[in-house]
């Protein structure tokens, strides 16, 4: 099943803060039928308790997600931000992460989620791939580059 869709690649998304950004991105997934009505609040609560910012080399990012019970079907929304939005660093350090890429996950299978995160790490640890992904201006190309890693 495809997790990536061109209509879930948002280039030049903008929001004044993390909460607004998360609400707006969650609404995209909700309107397209990937998540349940409970997802927007669930993602805000989870991000507050378990931050998902990563100070990766090249392009800082965040991977917000909610429990599988809030998803209708699995998908990954990719948002490239016009201006960085501050997330807190994963792992509880409390450090700020000026995220410029956001991967919002709608996960319907907790085990598959762990496997997917592991595959994503191969991009996140490669500064060249991450910068290339950030600089890609075509949703179809973003999907193709991510599918090459996730397959």
C-alpha atoms as a PDB file:
ATOM      1  CA  UNK A   1       0.000   0.000   0.000  1.00  0.00           C
ATOM      2  CA  UNK A   2       1.326   3.407  -0.937  1.00  0.00           C
ATOM      3  CA  UNK A   3       2.021   5.707   2.002  1.00  0.00           C
ATOM      4  CA  UNK A   4       3.087   8.659  -0.116  1.00  0.00           C
ATOM      5  CA  UNK A   5       0.798  10.668  -2.356  1.00  0.00           C
ATOM      6  CA  UNK A   6       1.502  13.794  -4.397  1.00  0.00           C
ATOM      7  CA  UNK A   7      -1.517  15.539  -2.875  1.00  0.00           C
ATOM      8  CA  UNK A   8       0.076  15.063   0.570  1.00  0.00           C
ATOM      9  CA  UNK A   9       3.296  16.862  -0.417  1.00  0.00           C
ATOM     10  CA  UNK A  10       2.961  20.498   0.608  1.00  0.00           C
ATOM     11  CA  UNK A  11       5.694  22.781  -0.685  1.00  0.00           C
ATOM     12  CA  UNK A  12       6.142  26.140   1.049  1.00  0.00           C
ATOM     13  CA  UNK A  13       3.697  25.536   3.900  1.00  0.00           C
ATOM     14  CA  UNK A  14       3.614  28.324   6.474  1.00  0.00           C
ATOM     15  CA  UNK A  15       2.387  28.733  10.033  1.00  0.00           C
ATOM     16  CA  UNK A  16       3.266  31.113  12.869  1.00  0.00           C
ATOM     17  CA  UNK A  17       3.859  28.339  15.421  1.00  0.00           C
ATOM     18  CA  UNK A  18       3.952  24.591  16.008  1.00  0.00           C
ATOM     19  CA  UNK A  19       0.372  24.229  17.243  1.00  0.00           C
ATOM     20  CA  UNK A  20      -1.094  26.090  14.250  1.00  0.00           C
ATOM     21  CA  UNK A  21       1.068  24.071  11.858  1.00  0.00           C
ATOM     22  CA  UNK A  22       0.070  20.745  13.419  1.00  0.00           C
ATOM     23  CA  UNK A  23      -3.623  21.674  13.329  1.00  0.00           C
ATOM     24  CA  UNK A  24      -3.432  22.752   9.662  1.00  0.00           C
ATOM     25  CA  UNK A  25      -1.518  19.661   8.541  1.00  0.00           C
ATOM     26  CA  UNK A  26      -3.821  17.364  10.522  1.00  0.00           C
ATOM     27  CA  UNK A  27      -6.806  18.987   8.785  1.00  0.00           C
ATOM     28  CA  UNK A  28      -5.333  18.066   5.399  1.00  0.00           C
ATOM     29  CA  UNK A  29      -5.167  14.403   6.457  1.00  0.00           C
ATOM     30  CA  UNK A  30      -8.659  14.607   7.953  1.00  0.00           C
ATOM     31  CA  UNK A  31     -10.253  16.159   4.852  1.00  0.00           C
ATOM     32  CA  UNK A  32      -8.672  13.504   2.633  1.00  0.00           C
ATOM     33  CA  UNK A  33      -9.948  10.659   4.834  1.00  0.00           C
ATOM     34  CA  UNK A  34      -6.641   9.368   6.216  1.00  0.00           C
ATOM     35  CA  UNK A  35      -7.398  10.108   9.875  1.00  0.00           C
ATOM     36  CA  UNK A  36     -10.329  10.244  12.287  1.00  0.00           C
ATOM     37  CA  UNK A  37     -11.837  13.360  13.847  1.00  0.00           C
ATOM     38  CA  UNK A  38      -9.800  12.618  16.986  1.00  0.00           C
ATOM     39  CA  UNK A  39      -6.454  12.921  15.161  1.00  0.00           C
ATOM     40  CA  UNK A  40      -5.820  16.696  15.366  1.00  0.00           C
ATOM     41  CA  UNK A  41      -6.139  16.796  19.162  1.00  0.00           C
ATOM     42  CA  UNK A  42      -4.295  13.487  19.532  1.00  0.00           C
ATOM     43  CA  UNK A  43      -1.311  14.742  17.540  1.00  0.00           C
ATOM     44  CA  UNK A  44      -1.107  17.930  19.613  1.00  0.00           C
ATOM     45  CA  UNK A  45      -1.242  15.964  22.866  1.00  0.00           C
ATOM     46  CA  UNK A  46       1.372  13.468  21.720  1.00  0.00           C
ATOM     47  CA  UNK A  47       3.723  16.163  20.438  1.00  0.00           C
ATOM     48  CA  UNK A  48       3.470  17.956  23.805  1.00  0.00           C
ATOM     49  CA  UNK A  49       4.283  14.753  25.718  1.00  0.00           C
ATOM     50  CA  UNK A  50       6.769  13.220  23.255  1.00  0.00           C
ATOM     51  CA  UNK A  51       8.419  15.858  21.047  1.00  0.00           C
ATOM     52  CA  UNK A  52       9.482  14.763  17.558  1.00  0.00           C
ATOM     53  CA  UNK A  53      11.990  17.413  16.445  1.00  0.00           C
ATOM     54  CA  UNK A  54      15.308  16.203  15.044  1.00  0.00           C
ATOM     55  CA  UNK A  55      18.293  18.524  14.656  1.00  0.00           C
ATOM     56  CA  UNK A  56      19.456  16.665  11.565  1.00  0.00           C
ATOM     57  CA  UNK A  57      22.396  17.999   9.569  1.00  0.00           C
ATOM     58  CA  UNK A  58      21.415  20.094   6.583  1.00  0.00           C
ATOM     59  CA  UNK A  59      17.705  20.438   7.319  1.00  0.00           C
ATOM     60  CA  UNK A  60      16.104  20.149  10.763  1.00  0.00           C
ATOM     61  CA  UNK A  61      12.839  18.241  10.773  1.00  0.00           C
ATOM     62  CA  UNK A  62       9.969  16.916  12.841  1.00  0.00           C
ATOM     63  CA  UNK A  63       7.964  13.683  12.616  1.00  0.00           C
ATOM     64  CA  UNK A  64       4.700  14.260  14.472  1.00  0.00           C
ATOM     65  CA  UNK A  65       2.292  11.343  14.712  1.00  0.00           C
ATOM     66  CA  UNK A  66      -0.520   9.977  16.856  1.00  0.00           C
ATOM     67  CA  UNK A  67      -1.541   6.508  18.020  1.00  0.00           C
ATOM     68  CA  UNK A  68      -2.853   4.064  15.418  1.00  0.00           C
ATOM     69  CA  UNK A  69      -6.402   4.290  16.805  1.00  0.00           C
ATOM     70  CA  UNK A  70      -6.673   7.814  15.322  1.00  0.00           C
ATOM     71  CA  UNK A  71      -5.853   6.728  11.749  1.00  0.00           C
ATOM     72  CA  UNK A  72      -8.216   5.465   9.058  1.00  0.00           C
ATOM     73  CA  UNK A  73      -5.428   4.409   6.691  1.00  0.00           C
ATOM     74  CA  UNK A  74      -1.683   4.855   6.680  1.00  0.00           C
ATOM     75  CA  UNK A  75      -0.152   7.862   4.962  1.00  0.00           C
ATOM     76  CA  UNK A  76       2.730  10.289   5.215  1.00  0.00           C
ATOM     77  CA  UNK A  77       2.172  14.000   4.734  1.00  0.00           C
ATOM     78  CA  UNK A  78       5.358  15.852   3.771  1.00  0.00           C
ATOM     79  CA  UNK A  79       5.498  19.595   4.383  1.00  0.00           C
ATOM     80  CA  UNK A  80       8.358  21.851   3.356  1.00  0.00           C
ATOM     81  CA  UNK A  81       8.109  25.035   5.397  1.00  0.00           C
ATOM     82  CA  UNK A  82       8.691  28.547   4.034  1.00  0.00           C
ATOM     83  CA  UNK A  83      10.046  29.571   7.426  1.00  0.00           C
ATOM     84  CA  UNK A  84      11.253  27.242  10.186  1.00  0.00           C
ATOM     85  CA  UNK A  85       8.755  26.333  12.906  1.00  0.00           C
ATOM     86  CA  UNK A  86      10.170  25.515  16.333  1.00  0.00           C
ATOM     87  CA  UNK A  87       9.582  22.000  17.650  1.00  0.00           C
ATOM     88  CA  UNK A  88      11.130  20.514  20.770  1.00  0.00           C
ATOM     89  CA  UNK A  89      13.858  17.921  20.316  1.00  0.00           C
ATOM     90  CA  UNK A  90      12.971  14.226  20.381  1.00  0.00           C
ATOM     91  CA  UNK A  91      14.221  12.507  23.509  1.00  0.00           C
ATOM     92  CA  UNK A  92      13.231  15.140  26.030  1.00  0.00           C
ATOM     93  CA  UNK A  93      16.304  17.390  25.960  1.00  0.00           C
ATOM     94  CA  UNK A  94      14.048  20.449  25.827  1.00  0.00           C
ATOM     95  CA  UNK A  95      16.180  21.940  23.032  1.00  0.00           C
ATOM     96  CA  UNK A  96      14.509  23.854  20.228  1.00  0.00           C
ATOM     97  CA  UNK A  97      14.540  22.415  16.711  1.00  0.00           C
ATOM     98  CA  UNK A  98      13.896  24.965  13.913  1.00  0.00           C
ATOM     99  CA  UNK A  99      12.168  22.433  11.639  1.00  0.00           C
ATOM    100  CA  UNK A 100      12.018  23.136   7.909  1.00  0.00           C
ATOM    101  CA  UNK A 101      10.645  19.716   6.908  1.00  0.00           C
ATOM    102  CA  UNK A 102       7.733  17.981   8.616  1.00  0.00           C
ATOM    103  CA  UNK A 103       6.728  14.368   8.060  1.00  0.00           C
ATOM    104  CA  UNK A 104       3.285  13.906   9.623  1.00  0.00           C
ATOM    105  CA  UNK A 105       2.477  10.240   9.944  1.00  0.00           C
ATOM    106  CA  UNK A 106      -0.928   8.626   9.928  1.00  0.00           C
ATOM    107  CA  UNK A 107      -0.060   5.191  11.290  1.00  0.00           C
ATOM    108  CA  UNK A 108      -2.603   2.360  11.328  1.00  0.00           C
ATOM    109  CA  UNK A 109      -0.132  -0.384  12.292  1.00  0.00           C
ATOM    110  CA  UNK A 110       2.156   0.204  15.307  1.00  0.00           C
ATOM    111  CA  UNK A 111       4.676  -2.476  14.201  1.00  0.00           C
ATOM    112  CA  UNK A 112       4.847  -1.096  10.674  1.00  0.00           C
ATOM    113  CA  UNK A 113       5.432   2.325  12.184  1.00  0.00           C
ATOM    114  CA  UNK A 114       8.665   1.183  13.844  1.00  0.00           C
ATOM    115  CA  UNK A 115       9.906  -0.354  10.587  1.00  0.00           C
ATOM    116  CA  UNK A 116       9.018   2.831   8.661  1.00  0.00           C
ATOM    117  CA  UNK A 117      10.883   5.017  11.163  1.00  0.00           C
ATOM    118  CA  UNK A 118      13.971   2.866  10.733  1.00  0.00           C
ATOM    119  CA  UNK A 119      13.845   3.333   6.959  1.00  0.00           C
ATOM    120  CA  UNK A 120      13.391   7.082   7.335  1.00  0.00           C
ATOM    121  CA  UNK A 121      16.540   7.247   9.437  1.00  0.00           C
ATOM    122  CA  UNK A 122      18.576   6.370   6.339  1.00  0.00           C
ATOM    123  CA  UNK A 123      17.483   9.708   4.851  1.00  0.00           C
ATOM    124  CA  UNK A 124      17.784  11.644   8.088  1.00  0.00           C
ATOM    125  CA  UNK A 125      21.377  10.595   8.650  1.00  0.00           C
ATOM    126  CA  UNK A 126      22.392  11.541   5.099  1.00  0.00           C
ATOM    127  CA  UNK A 127      22.761  15.323   4.881  1.00  0.00           C
ATOM    128  CA  UNK A 128      23.025  15.270   1.073  1.00  0.00           C
ATOM    129  CA  UNK A 129      19.778  13.301   0.642  1.00  0.00           C
ATOM    130  CA  UNK A 130      17.971  15.474   3.148  1.00  0.00           C
ATOM    131  CA  UNK A 131      19.031  18.758   1.519  1.00  0.00           C
ATOM    132  CA  UNK A 132      18.194  17.318  -1.916  1.00  0.00           C
ATOM    133  CA  UNK A 133      14.727  16.343  -0.680  1.00  0.00           C
ATOM    134  CA  UNK A 134      14.182  19.810   0.819  1.00  0.00           C
ATOM    135  CA  UNK A 135      15.234  21.516  -2.420  1.00  0.00           C
ATOM    136  CA  UNK A 136      12.968  19.374  -4.617  1.00  0.00           C
ATOM    137  CA  UNK A 137      10.191  21.532  -6.069  1.00  0.00           C
ATOM    138  CA  UNK A 138       7.969  18.854  -7.576  1.00  0.00           C
ATOM    139  CA  UNK A 139       5.620  16.742  -5.416  1.00  0.00           C
ATOM    140  CA  UNK A 140       5.975  13.750  -7.754  1.00  0.00           C
ATOM    141  CA  UNK A 141       9.773  13.890  -7.395  1.00  0.00           C
ATOM    142  CA  UNK A 142       9.491  14.144  -3.587  1.00  0.00           C
ATOM    143  CA  UNK A 143       7.290  11.033  -3.577  1.00  0.00           C
ATOM    144  CA  UNK A 144       9.687   9.158  -5.886  1.00  0.00           C
ATOM    145  CA  UNK A 145      12.737  10.010  -3.750  1.00  0.00           C
ATOM    146  CA  UNK A 146      11.018   8.905  -0.541  1.00  0.00           C
ATOM    147  CA  UNK A 147       9.574   5.747  -2.092  1.00  0.00           C
ATOM    148  CA  UNK A 148      13.077   4.760  -3.214  1.00  0.00           C
ATOM    149  CA  UNK A 149      14.156   4.779   0.432  1.00  0.00           C
ATOM    150  CA  UNK A 150      11.022   3.270   1.953  1.00  0.00           C
ATOM    151  CA  UNK A 151      10.650   0.371  -0.475  1.00  0.00           C
END
